[in-house]
Amino acid sequence: MGDWDAGWWVLMVLMMVLFWGLLIAGAVWLLRSVSGGHHLHSRTPTEVLDHRLATGDISPEEYRQRRATLEGEGGPPEPPGSG
């Protein structure tokens, strides 16, 4: 019986590491699935531009200029004061 007592602590340590590893991995997976952070990378540049206009980050004039640039219309914008 003395030989069995020496080996159980190794098994208990391994089980504890496995338990905490699974618990942490589950928490990370849950937070990622709830936060939905992955959908931000799948938005098109036009959708990002639309969102920035809707939140007021850019003016309607800047929106039209950037939209035209994205769609390939016109050349680069003129520098300020050249008109």
C-alpha atoms as a PDB file:
ATOM      1  CA  MET A   1       0.000   0.000   0.000  1.00  0.00           C
ATOM      2  CA  GLY A   2       2.907   2.373   0.561  1.00  0.00           C
ATOM      3  CA  ASP A   3       3.720   2.458  -3.150  1.00  0.00           C
ATOM      4  CA  TRP A   4       0.246   3.735  -4.119  1.00  0.00           C
ATOM      5  CA  ASP A   5       0.391   6.664  -1.719  1.00  0.00           C
ATOM      6  CA  ALA A   6       3.428   8.158  -3.465  1.00  0.00           C
ATOM      7  CA  GLY A   7       1.845   8.269  -6.953  1.00  0.00           C
ATOM      8  CA  TRP A   8      -1.585   9.752  -6.263  1.00  0.00           C
ATOM      9  CA  TRP A   9      -0.311  13.304  -5.872  1.00  0.00           C
ATOM     10  CA  VAL A  10       0.945  13.279  -9.474  1.00  0.00           C
ATOM     11  CA  LEU A  11      -2.492  12.276 -10.729  1.00  0.00           C
ATOM     12  CA  MET A  12      -4.166  14.924  -8.568  1.00  0.00           C
ATOM     13  CA  VAL A  13      -1.831  17.659  -9.869  1.00  0.00           C
ATOM     14  CA  LEU A  14      -2.507  16.655 -13.475  1.00  0.00           C
ATOM     15  CA  MET A  15      -6.254  16.621 -12.879  1.00  0.00           C
ATOM     16  CA  MET A  16      -6.122  20.052 -11.244  1.00  0.00           C
ATOM     17  CA  VAL A  17      -4.143  21.507 -14.178  1.00  0.00           C
ATOM     18  CA  LEU A  18      -6.594  19.935 -16.630  1.00  0.00           C
ATOM     19  CA  PHE A  19      -9.578  21.283 -14.686  1.00  0.00           C
ATOM     20  CA  TRP A  20      -8.261  24.866 -14.555  1.00  0.00           C
ATOM     21  CA  GLY A  21      -7.145  24.744 -18.183  1.00  0.00           C
ATOM     22  CA  LEU A  22     -10.586  23.651 -19.339  1.00  0.00           C
ATOM     23  CA  LEU A  23     -12.249  26.245 -17.119  1.00  0.00           C
ATOM     24  CA  ILE A  24     -10.124  29.078 -18.520  1.00  0.00           C
ATOM     25  CA  ALA A  25     -10.531  27.879 -22.120  1.00  0.00           C
ATOM     26  CA  GLY A  26     -14.301  27.722 -21.639  1.00  0.00           C
ATOM     27  CA  ALA A  27     -14.404  31.231 -20.212  1.00  0.00           C
ATOM     28  CA  VAL A  28     -12.376  32.613 -23.142  1.00  0.00           C
ATOM     29  CA  TRP A  29     -14.611  30.832 -25.650  1.00  0.00           C
ATOM     30  CA  LEU A  30     -17.741  32.146 -23.933  1.00  0.00           C
ATOM     31  CA  LEU A  31     -16.488  35.736 -23.849  1.00  0.00           C
ATOM     32  CA  ARG A  32     -15.532  35.632 -27.518  1.00  0.00           C
ATOM     33  CA  SER A  33     -18.866  34.213 -28.592  1.00  0.00           C
ATOM     34  CA  VAL A  34     -20.859  36.706 -26.501  1.00  0.00           C
ATOM     35  CA  SER A  35     -18.843  39.786 -27.491  1.00  0.00           C
ATOM     36  CA  GLY A  36     -19.115  39.070 -31.203  1.00  0.00           C
ATOM     37  CA  GLY A  37     -15.764  40.697 -31.928  1.00  0.00           C
ATOM     38  CA  HIS A  38     -15.225  38.665 -35.073  1.00  0.00           C
ATOM     39  CA  HIS A  39     -17.921  40.387 -37.124  1.00  0.00           C
ATOM     40  CA  LEU A  40     -15.975  43.649 -37.193  1.00  0.00           C
ATOM     41  CA  HIS A  41     -13.371  42.155 -39.487  1.00  0.00           C
ATOM     42  CA  SER A  42     -15.920  41.033 -42.051  1.00  0.00           C
ATOM     43  CA  ARG A  43     -17.371  44.494 -42.768  1.00  0.00           C
ATOM     44  CA  THR A  44     -16.651  46.025 -46.136  1.00  0.00           C
ATOM     45  CA  PRO A  45     -15.003  49.449 -46.411  1.00  0.00           C
ATOM     46  CA  THR A  46     -18.309  50.904 -47.603  1.00  0.00           C
ATOM     47  CA  GLU A  47     -20.092  49.561 -44.521  1.00  0.00           C
ATOM     48  CA  VAL A  48     -17.421  51.085 -42.291  1.00  0.00           C
ATOM     49  CA  LEU A  49     -17.828  54.399 -44.103  1.00  0.00           C
ATOM     50  CA  ASP A  50     -21.626  54.247 -43.731  1.00  0.00           C
ATOM     51  CA  HIS A  51     -21.231  53.561 -40.020  1.00  0.00           C
ATOM     52  CA  ARG A  52     -18.828  56.480 -39.554  1.00  0.00           C
ATOM     53  CA  LEU A  53     -21.320  58.840 -41.226  1.00  0.00           C
ATOM     54  CA  ALA A  54     -24.172  57.502 -39.110  1.00  0.00           C
ATOM     55  CA  THR A  55     -22.249  58.041 -35.872  1.00  0.00           C
ATOM     56  CA  GLY A  56     -21.136  61.529 -36.889  1.00  0.00           C
ATOM     57  CA  ASP A  57     -17.439  60.737 -37.147  1.00  0.00           C
ATOM     58  CA  ILE A  58     -17.278  62.292 -40.622  1.00  0.00           C
ATOM     59  CA  SER A  59     -19.251  65.028 -42.399  1.00  0.00           C
ATOM     60  CA  PRO A  60     -21.559  64.301 -45.342  1.00  0.00           C
ATOM     61  CA  GLU A  61     -19.104  66.075 -47.676  1.00  0.00           C
ATOM     62  CA  GLU A  62     -16.221  63.907 -46.466  1.00  0.00           C
ATOM     63  CA  TYR A  63     -18.489  60.863 -46.818  1.00  0.00           C
ATOM     64  CA  ARG A  64     -19.213  61.688 -50.478  1.00  0.00           C
ATOM     65  CA  GLN A  65     -15.511  62.205 -51.228  1.00  0.00           C
ATOM     66  CA  ARG A  66     -14.461  58.947 -49.603  1.00  0.00           C
ATOM     67  CA  ARG A  67     -17.344  57.040 -51.177  1.00  0.00           C
ATOM     68  CA  ALA A  68     -16.316  58.312 -54.624  1.00  0.00           C
ATOM     69  CA  THR A  69     -12.738  57.261 -53.924  1.00  0.00           C
ATOM     70  CA  LEU A  70     -13.858  53.782 -52.889  1.00  0.00           C
ATOM     71  CA  GLU A  71     -15.993  53.411 -55.996  1.00  0.00           C
ATOM     72  CA  GLY A  72     -13.132  54.576 -58.199  1.00  0.00           C
ATOM     73  CA  GLU A  73     -14.810  57.744 -59.399  1.00  0.00           C
ATOM     74  CA  GLY A  74     -12.664  60.816 -59.997  1.00  0.00           C
ATOM     75  CA  GLY A  75      -9.068  61.315 -59.089  1.00  0.00           C
ATOM     76  CA  PRO A  76      -7.477  62.095 -55.774  1.00  0.00           C
ATOM     77  CA  PRO A  77      -8.998  64.986 -53.834  1.00  0.00           C
ATOM     78  CA  GLU A  78      -7.617  68.438 -54.508  1.00  0.00           C
ATOM     79  CA  PRO A  79      -5.487  70.024 -51.796  1.00  0.00           C
ATOM     80  CA  PRO A  80      -7.200  72.734 -49.723  1.00  0.00           C
ATOM     81  CA  GLY A  81      -6.999  76.226 -51.202  1.00  0.00           C
ATOM     82  CA  SER A  82      -6.349  75.097 -54.781  1.00  0.00           C
ATOM     83  CA  GLY A  83      -9.882  75.870 -55.996  1.00  0.00           C
END
